[in-house]
PDB file of N, CA and C in Angstrom:
ATOM      1  N   UNK A   1       3.066   8.771   2.141  1.00  0.00           N
ATOM      2  CA  UNK A   1       1.904   7.993   2.017  1.00  0.00           C
ATOM      3  C   UNK A   1       1.338   7.661   3.429  1.00  0.00           C
ATOM      4  N   UNK A   2       0.044   7.355   3.420  1.00  0.00           N
ATOM      5  CA  UNK A   2      -0.647   6.920   4.660  1.00  0.00           C
ATOM      6  C   UNK A   2      -1.286   5.602   4.398  1.00  0.00           C
ATOM      7  N   UNK A   3      -1.111   4.682   5.341  1.00  0.00           N
ATOM      8  CA  UNK A   3      -1.771   3.396   5.311  1.00  0.00           C
ATOM      9  C   UNK A   3      -3.144   3.583   6.008  1.00  0.00           C
ATOM     10  N   UNK A   4      -4.201   3.554   5.167  1.00  0.00           N
ATOM     11  CA  UNK A   4      -5.559   3.674   5.713  1.00  0.00           C
ATOM     12  C   UNK A   4      -6.111   2.266   5.944  1.00  0.00           C
ATOM     13  N   UNK A   5      -6.430   2.007   7.232  1.00  0.00           N
ATOM     14  CA  UNK A   5      -6.940   0.725   7.606  1.00  0.00           C
ATOM     15  C   UNK A   5      -8.472   0.856   7.770  1.00  0.00           C
ATOM     16  N   UNK A   6      -9.172   0.054   6.967  1.00  0.00           N
ATOM     17  CA  UNK A   6     -10.677   0.160   7.058  1.00  0.00           C
ATOM     18  C   UNK A   6     -11.174  -1.063   7.830  1.00  0.00           C
ATOM     19  N   UNK A   7     -11.658  -0.828   8.980  1.00  0.00           N
ATOM     20  CA  UNK A   7     -12.260  -1.934   9.829  1.00  0.00           C
ATOM     21  C   UNK A   7     -13.688  -2.057   9.367  1.00  0.00           C
ATOM     22  N   UNK A   8     -14.016  -3.080   8.632  1.00  0.00           N
ATOM     23  CA  UNK A   8     -15.326  -3.278   8.003  1.00  0.00           C
ATOM     24  C   UNK A   8     -16.303  -4.029   8.940  1.00  0.00           C
ATOM     25  N   UNK A   9     -15.798  -5.157   9.407  1.00  0.00           N
ATOM     26  CA  UNK A   9     -16.550  -6.042  10.260  1.00  0.00           C
ATOM     27  C   UNK A   9     -15.573  -6.876  11.032  1.00  0.00           C
ATOM     28  N   UNK A  10     -16.022  -7.639  12.044  1.00  0.00           N
ATOM     29  CA  UNK A  10     -15.070  -8.492  12.756  1.00  0.00           C
ATOM     30  C   UNK A  10     -14.262  -9.356  11.815  1.00  0.00           C
ATOM     31  N   UNK A  11     -12.933  -9.199  11.849  1.00  0.00           N
ATOM     32  CA  UNK A  11     -11.965  -9.947  11.060  1.00  0.00           C
ATOM     33  C   UNK A  11     -12.126  -9.642   9.499  1.00  0.00           C
ATOM     34  N   UNK A  12     -12.773  -8.507   9.186  1.00  0.00           N
ATOM     35  CA  UNK A  12     -12.821  -8.085   7.741  1.00  0.00           C
ATOM     36  C   UNK A  12     -12.188  -6.699   7.713  1.00  0.00           C
ATOM     37  N   UNK A  13     -10.947  -6.650   7.180  1.00  0.00           N
ATOM     38  CA  UNK A  13     -10.200  -5.439   7.161  1.00  0.00           C
ATOM     39  C   UNK A  13      -9.570  -5.232   5.786  1.00  0.00           C
ATOM     40  N   UNK A  14      -9.537  -4.043   5.292  1.00  0.00           N
ATOM     41  CA  UNK A  14      -8.796  -3.718   4.086  1.00  0.00           C
ATOM     42  C   UNK A  14      -7.817  -2.560   4.407  1.00  0.00           C
ATOM     43  N   UNK A  15      -6.708  -2.578   3.713  1.00  0.00           N
ATOM     44  CA  UNK A  15      -5.668  -1.566   3.915  1.00  0.00           C
ATOM     45  C   UNK A  15      -5.381  -0.951   2.534  1.00  0.00           C
ATOM     46  N   UNK A  16      -5.441   0.372   2.464  1.00  0.00           N
ATOM     47  CA  UNK A  16      -5.097   1.117   1.196  1.00  0.00           C
ATOM     48  C   UNK A  16      -4.088   2.151   1.471  1.00  0.00           C
ATOM     49  N   UNK A  17      -3.322   2.486   0.432  1.00  0.00           N
ATOM     50  CA  UNK A  17      -2.365   3.575   0.532  1.00  0.00           C
ATOM     51  C   UNK A  17      -3.051   4.832  -0.008  1.00  0.00           C
ATOM     52  N   UNK A  18      -3.130   5.865   0.788  1.00  0.00           N
ATOM     53  CA  UNK A  18      -3.763   7.113   0.389  1.00  0.00           C
ATOM     54  C   UNK A  18      -2.798   8.289   0.586  1.00  0.00           C
ATOM     55  N   UNK A  19      -3.093   9.388  -0.111  1.00  0.00           N
ATOM     56  CA  UNK A  19      -2.226  10.580  -0.001  1.00  0.00           C
ATOM     57  C   UNK A  19      -2.640  11.406   1.216  1.00  0.00           C
ATOM     58  N   UNK A  20      -4.005  11.440   1.472  1.00  0.00           N
ATOM     59  CA  UNK A  20      -4.525  12.247   2.606  1.00  0.00           C
ATOM     60  C   UNK A  20      -5.513  11.346   3.397  1.00  0.00           C
ATOM     61  N   UNK A  21      -5.750  11.830   4.617  1.00  0.00           N
ATOM     62  CA  UNK A  21      -6.683  11.077   5.473  1.00  0.00           C
ATOM     63  C   UNK A  21      -7.812  12.011   5.893  1.00  0.00           C
ATOM     64  N   UNK A  22      -8.853  12.211   5.069  1.00  0.00           N
ATOM     65  CA  UNK A  22      -9.907  13.126   5.358  1.00  0.00           C
ATOM     66  C   UNK A  22     -10.778  12.496   6.479  1.00  0.00           C
ATOM     67  N   UNK A  23     -11.619  13.325   7.024  1.00  0.00           N
ATOM     68  CA  UNK A  23     -12.462  12.839   8.137  1.00  0.00           C
ATOM     69  C   UNK A  23     -13.484  11.781   7.655  1.00  0.00           C
ATOM     70  N   UNK A  24     -13.966  11.935   6.394  1.00  0.00           N
ATOM     71  CA  UNK A  24     -14.934  10.959   5.916  1.00  0.00           C
ATOM     72  C   UNK A  24     -14.486  10.400   4.554  1.00  0.00           C
ATOM     73  N   UNK A  25     -14.604   9.170   4.268  1.00  0.00           N
ATOM     74  CA  UNK A  25     -14.369   8.523   3.024  1.00  0.00           C
ATOM     75  C   UNK A  25     -15.524   7.512   2.711  1.00  0.00           C
ATOM     76  N   UNK A  26     -15.759   7.296   1.431  1.00  0.00           N
ATOM     77  CA  UNK A  26     -16.770   6.305   1.064  1.00  0.00           C
ATOM     78  C   UNK A  26     -16.077   5.175   0.261  1.00  0.00           C
ATOM     79  N   UNK A  27     -16.313   3.953   0.625  1.00  0.00           N
ATOM     80  CA  UNK A  27     -15.810   2.794  -0.079  1.00  0.00           C
ATOM     81  C   UNK A  27     -16.944   1.834  -0.260  1.00  0.00           C
ATOM     82  N   UNK A  28     -17.127   1.492  -1.559  1.00  0.00           N
ATOM     83  CA  UNK A  28     -18.193   0.466  -1.941  1.00  0.00           C
ATOM     84  C   UNK A  28     -19.533   0.824  -1.352  1.00  0.00           C
ATOM     85  N   UNK A  29     -19.921   2.096  -1.406  1.00  0.00           N
ATOM     86  CA  UNK A  29     -21.225   2.504  -0.874  1.00  0.00           C
ATOM     87  C   UNK A  29     -21.333   2.625   0.689  1.00  0.00           C
ATOM     88  N   UNK A  30     -20.251   2.391   1.386  1.00  0.00           N
ATOM     89  CA  UNK A  30     -20.233   2.566   2.816  1.00  0.00           C
ATOM     90  C   UNK A  30     -19.491   3.802   3.265  1.00  0.00           C
ATOM     91  N   UNK A  31     -20.103   4.623   4.132  1.00  0.00           N
ATOM     92  CA  UNK A  31     -19.463   5.850   4.625  1.00  0.00           C
ATOM     93  C   UNK A  31     -18.574   5.427   5.817  1.00  0.00           C
ATOM     94  N   UNK A  32     -17.294   5.816   5.762  1.00  0.00           N
ATOM     95  CA  UNK A  32     -16.371   5.505   6.823  1.00  0.00           C
ATOM     96  C   UNK A  32     -15.877   6.847   7.450  1.00  0.00           C
ATOM     97  N   UNK A  33     -15.768   6.841   8.751  1.00  0.00           N
ATOM     98  CA  UNK A  33     -15.194   8.052   9.435  1.00  0.00           C
ATOM     99  C   UNK A  33     -13.851   7.735  10.020  1.00  0.00           C
ATOM    100  N   UNK A  34     -12.990   8.761  10.057  1.00  0.00           N
ATOM    101  CA  UNK A  34     -11.692   8.599  10.581  1.00  0.00           C
ATOM    102  C   UNK A  34     -11.765   8.446  12.087  1.00  0.00           C
ATOM    103  N   UNK A  35     -11.251   7.372  12.676  1.00  0.00           N
ATOM    104  CA  UNK A  35     -11.350   7.085  14.066  1.00  0.00           C
ATOM    105  C   UNK A  35     -10.009   7.269  14.826  1.00  0.00           C
ATOM    106  N   UNK A  36      -8.862   7.295  14.018  1.00  0.00           N
ATOM    107  CA  UNK A  36      -7.609   7.398  14.661  1.00  0.00           C
ATOM    108  C   UNK A  36      -6.548   7.790  13.621  1.00  0.00           C
ATOM    109  N   UNK A  37      -5.732   8.769  13.997  1.00  0.00           N
ATOM    110  CA  UNK A  37      -4.585   9.099  13.150  1.00  0.00           C
ATOM    111  C   UNK A  37      -4.941  10.250  12.163  1.00  0.00           C
ATOM    112  N   UNK A  38      -4.089  10.429  11.192  1.00  0.00           N
ATOM    113  CA  UNK A  38      -2.942   9.674  10.911  1.00  0.00           C
ATOM    114  C   UNK A  38      -1.795   9.916  11.918  1.00  0.00           C
ATOM    115  N   UNK A  39      -1.139   8.839  12.287  1.00  0.00           N
ATOM    116  CA  UNK A  39       0.017   8.924  13.201  1.00  0.00           C
ATOM    117  C   UNK A  39       1.128   8.121  12.760  1.00  0.00           C
ATOM    118  N   UNK A  40       2.340   8.551  13.067  1.00  0.00           N
ATOM    119  CA  UNK A  40       3.599   7.861  12.701  1.00  0.00           C
ATOM    120  C   UNK A  40       3.937   6.898  13.790  1.00  0.00           C
ATOM    121  N   UNK A  41       4.003   5.609  13.502  1.00  0.00           N
ATOM    122  CA  UNK A  41       4.438   4.668  14.518  1.00  0.00           C
ATOM    123  C   UNK A  41       5.905   4.835  14.981  1.00  0.00           C
ATOM    124  N   UNK A  42       6.221   4.504  16.163  1.00  0.00           N
ATOM    125  CA  UNK A  42       7.584   4.558  16.665  1.00  0.00           C
ATOM    126  C   UNK A  42       8.488   3.532  15.858  1.00  0.00           C
ATOM    127  N   UNK A  43       9.757   3.793  15.819  1.00  0.00           N
ATOM    128  CA  UNK A  43      10.656   2.962  15.013  1.00  0.00           C
ATOM    129  C   UNK A  43      10.600   1.554  15.528  1.00  0.00           C
ATOM    130  N   UNK A  44      10.682   0.611  14.579  1.00  0.00           N
ATOM    131  CA  UNK A  44      10.809  -0.834  14.879  1.00  0.00           C
ATOM    132  C   UNK A  44      11.860  -1.343  13.867  1.00  0.00           C
ATOM    133  N   UNK A  45      11.877  -2.606  13.696  1.00  0.00           N
ATOM    134  CA  UNK A  45      12.900  -3.181  12.695  1.00  0.00           C
ATOM    135  C   UNK A  45      12.388  -2.918  11.278  1.00  0.00           C
ATOM    136  N   UNK A  46      11.304  -2.260  11.119  1.00  0.00           N
ATOM    137  CA  UNK A  46      10.758  -1.965   9.784  1.00  0.00           C
ATOM    138  C   UNK A  46      10.301  -0.492   9.754  1.00  0.00           C
ATOM    139  N   UNK A  47      10.335   0.083   8.554  1.00  0.00           N
ATOM    140  CA  UNK A  47       9.863   1.427   8.383  1.00  0.00           C
ATOM    141  C   UNK A  47       8.335   1.410   8.062  1.00  0.00           C
ATOM    142  N   UNK A  48       7.571   2.112   8.850  1.00  0.00           N
ATOM    143  CA  UNK A  48       6.142   2.131   8.650  1.00  0.00           C
ATOM    144  C   UNK A  48       5.671   3.454   8.139  1.00  0.00           C
ATOM    145  N   UNK A  49       4.634   3.440   7.277  1.00  0.00           N
ATOM    146  CA  UNK A  49       3.972   4.677   6.825  1.00  0.00           C
ATOM    147  C   UNK A  49       3.122   5.184   8.021  1.00  0.00           C
ATOM    148  N   UNK A  50       2.664   6.391   7.940  1.00  0.00           N
ATOM    149  CA  UNK A  50       1.689   6.878   8.883  1.00  0.00           C
ATOM    150  C   UNK A  50       0.460   6.003   8.792  1.00  0.00           C
ATOM    151  N   UNK A  51      -0.230   5.839   9.911  1.00  0.00           N
ATOM    152  CA  UNK A  51      -1.396   4.970   9.967  1.00  0.00           C
ATOM    153  C   UNK A  51      -2.658   5.781  10.334  1.00  0.00           C
ATOM    154  N   UNK A  52      -3.699   5.564   9.575  1.00  0.00           N
ATOM    155  CA  UNK A  52      -5.032   6.129   9.824  1.00  0.00           C
ATOM    156  C   UNK A  52      -6.051   5.016   9.918  1.00  0.00           C
ATOM    157  N   UNK A  53      -6.920   5.055  10.892  1.00  0.00           N
ATOM    158  CA  UNK A  53      -7.878   3.971  11.098  1.00  0.00           C
ATOM    159  C   UNK A  53      -9.296   4.492  10.786  1.00  0.00           C
ATOM    160  N   UNK A  54     -10.000   3.840   9.930  1.00  0.00           N
ATOM    161  CA  UNK A  54     -11.370   4.173   9.607  1.00  0.00           C
ATOM    162  C   UNK A  54     -12.363   3.023   9.963  1.00  0.00           C
ATOM    163  N   UNK A  55     -13.528   3.369  10.296  1.00  0.00           N
ATOM    164  CA  UNK A  55     -14.585   2.399  10.595  1.00  0.00           C
ATOM    165  C   UNK A  55     -15.880   2.977  10.063  1.00  0.00           C
ATOM    166  N   UNK A  56     -16.924   2.091   9.783  1.00  0.00           N
ATOM    167  CA  UNK A  56     -18.196   2.583   9.354  1.00  0.00           C
ATOM    168  C   UNK A  56     -18.730   3.752  10.244  1.00  0.00           C
ATOM    169  N   UNK A  57     -19.189   4.769   9.635  1.00  0.00           N
ATOM    170  CA  UNK A  57     -19.592   5.974  10.344  1.00  0.00           C
ATOM    171  C   UNK A  57     -20.745   5.677  11.362  1.00  0.00           C
ATOM    172  N   UNK A  58     -21.612   4.734  11.084  1.00  0.00           N
ATOM    173  CA  UNK A  58     -22.724   4.478  11.922  1.00  0.00           C
ATOM    174  C   UNK A  58     -22.391   3.791  13.239  1.00  0.00           C
ATOM    175  N   UNK A  59     -21.156   3.280  13.389  1.00  0.00           N
ATOM    176  CA  UNK A  59     -20.785   2.577  14.608  1.00  0.00           C
ATOM    177  C   UNK A  59     -20.608   3.557  15.758  1.00  0.00           C
ATOM    178  N   UNK A  60     -21.047   3.141  16.930  1.00  0.00           N
ATOM    179  CA  UNK A  60     -20.818   3.931  18.160  1.00  0.00           C
ATOM    180  C   UNK A  60     -19.364   3.755  18.562  1.00  0.00           C
ATOM    181  N   UNK A  61     -18.875   4.573  19.542  1.00  0.00           N
ATOM    182  CA  UNK A  61     -17.545   4.402  19.952  1.00  0.00           C
ATOM    183  C   UNK A  61     -17.306   3.001  20.606  1.00  0.00           C
ATOM    184  N   UNK A  62     -18.289   2.497  21.289  1.00  0.00           N
ATOM    185  CA  UNK A  62     -18.094   1.156  21.899  1.00  0.00           C
ATOM    186  C   UNK A  62     -18.016   0.102  20.835  1.00  0.00           C
ATOM    187  N   UNK A  63     -18.857   0.196  19.792  1.00  0.00           N
ATOM    188  CA  UNK A  63     -18.813  -0.761  18.686  1.00  0.00           C
ATOM    189  C   UNK A  63     -17.468  -0.689  17.957  1.00  0.00           C
ATOM    190  N   UNK A  64     -16.991   0.528  17.783  1.00  0.00           N
ATOM    191  CA  UNK A  64     -15.703   0.717  17.166  1.00  0.00           C
ATOM    192  C   UNK A  64     -14.586   0.070  17.958  1.00  0.00           C
ATOM    193  N   UNK A  65     -14.571   0.287  19.252  1.00  0.00           N
ATOM    194  CA  UNK A  65     -13.572  -0.247  20.116  1.00  0.00           C
ATOM    195  C   UNK A  65     -13.527  -1.824  20.074  1.00  0.00           C
ATOM    196  N   UNK A  66     -14.693  -2.393  20.025  1.00  0.00           N
ATOM    197  CA  UNK A  66     -14.835  -3.825  19.918  1.00  0.00           C
ATOM    198  C   UNK A  66     -14.221  -4.311  18.578  1.00  0.00           C
ATOM    199  N   UNK A  67     -14.604  -3.660  17.495  1.00  0.00           N
ATOM    200  CA  UNK A  67     -14.155  -4.024  16.156  1.00  0.00           C
ATOM    201  C   UNK A  67     -12.639  -3.868  16.100  1.00  0.00           C
ATOM    202  N   UNK A  68     -12.109  -2.842  16.707  1.00  0.00           N
ATOM    203  CA  UNK A  68     -10.664  -2.577  16.780  1.00  0.00           C
ATOM    204  C   UNK A  68      -9.936  -3.775  17.474  1.00  0.00           C
ATOM    205  N   UNK A  69     -10.406  -4.136  18.587  1.00  0.00           N
ATOM    206  CA  UNK A  69      -9.834  -5.175  19.427  1.00  0.00           C
ATOM    207  C   UNK A  69      -9.865  -6.563  18.729  1.00  0.00           C
ATOM    208  N   UNK A  70     -10.979  -6.882  18.080  1.00  0.00           N
ATOM    209  CA  UNK A  70     -11.020  -8.206  17.423  1.00  0.00           C
ATOM    210  C   UNK A  70     -10.222  -8.195  16.135  1.00  0.00           C
ATOM    211  N   UNK A  71      -9.896  -7.065  15.575  1.00  0.00           N
ATOM    212  CA  UNK A  71      -9.041  -6.934  14.337  1.00  0.00           C
ATOM    213  C   UNK A  71      -7.601  -6.930  14.620  1.00  0.00           C
ATOM    214  N   UNK A  72      -7.210  -6.611  15.894  1.00  0.00           N
ATOM    215  CA  UNK A  72      -5.746  -6.456  16.247  1.00  0.00           C
ATOM    216  C   UNK A  72      -4.912  -7.725  15.875  1.00  0.00           C
ATOM    217  N   UNK A  73      -5.373  -8.903  16.132  1.00  0.00           N
ATOM    218  CA  UNK A  73      -4.457 -10.082  15.854  1.00  0.00           C
ATOM    219  C   UNK A  73      -4.108 -10.203  14.380  1.00  0.00           C
ATOM    220  N   UNK A  74      -4.958  -9.776  13.468  1.00  0.00           N
ATOM    221  CA  UNK A  74      -4.620  -9.951  12.049  1.00  0.00           C
ATOM    222  C   UNK A  74      -4.030  -8.748  11.382  1.00  0.00           C
ATOM    223  N   UNK A  75      -3.972  -7.589  12.073  1.00  0.00           N
ATOM    224  CA  UNK A  75      -3.454  -6.370  11.495  1.00  0.00           C
ATOM    225  C   UNK A  75      -2.268  -5.834  12.332  1.00  0.00           C
ATOM    226  N   UNK A  76      -1.031  -6.077  11.918  1.00  0.00           N
ATOM    227  CA  UNK A  76       0.155  -5.679  12.626  1.00  0.00           C
ATOM    228  C   UNK A  76       0.140  -4.174  12.975  1.00  0.00           C
ATOM    229  N   UNK A  77      -0.339  -3.371  12.104  1.00  0.00           N
ATOM    230  CA  UNK A  77      -0.375  -1.894  12.286  1.00  0.00           C
ATOM    231  C   UNK A  77      -1.098  -1.483  13.528  1.00  0.00           C
ATOM    232  N   UNK A  78      -2.123  -2.269  13.879  1.00  0.00           N
ATOM    233  CA  UNK A  78      -2.955  -1.905  15.062  1.00  0.00           C
ATOM    234  C   UNK A  78      -2.274  -2.219  16.395  1.00  0.00           C
ATOM    235  N   UNK A  79      -1.129  -2.861  16.314  1.00  0.00           N
ATOM    236  CA  UNK A  79      -0.389  -3.259  17.479  1.00  0.00           C
ATOM    237  C   UNK A  79       0.885  -2.428  17.702  1.00  0.00           C
ATOM    238  N   UNK A  80       1.096  -1.467  16.846  1.00  0.00           N
ATOM    239  CA  UNK A  80       2.313  -0.589  16.893  1.00  0.00           C
ATOM    240  C   UNK A  80       2.240   0.385  18.058  1.00  0.00           C
ATOM    241  N   UNK A  81       3.336   0.872  18.494  1.00  0.00           N
ATOM    242  CA  UNK A  81       3.429   1.965  19.499  1.00  0.00           C
ATOM    243  C   UNK A  81       3.534   3.243  18.760  1.00  0.00           C
ATOM    244  N   UNK A  82       2.876   4.337  19.290  1.00  0.00           N
ATOM    245  CA  UNK A  82       2.903   5.613  18.653  1.00  0.00           C
ATOM    246  C   UNK A  82       3.477   6.701  19.604  1.00  0.00           C
TER     247      UNK A  82
END
């Protein structure tokens, strides 16, 4: 399984378990593009699924990076080493 992390807005994130991580997905009428992964995190004290990060397709790379950084404190998967 893959943990798909959907960065929706600052501090608004959903996580779903998916079988595949296609380049584009639609959720609740919003088109999301794959921005990272899927990648397997390095071992920690917990076993992690592969991680894939999605963000709204219309965001620029700079907007995505900002959204990623403000989401990191609340999403442990965004702080893992790969």
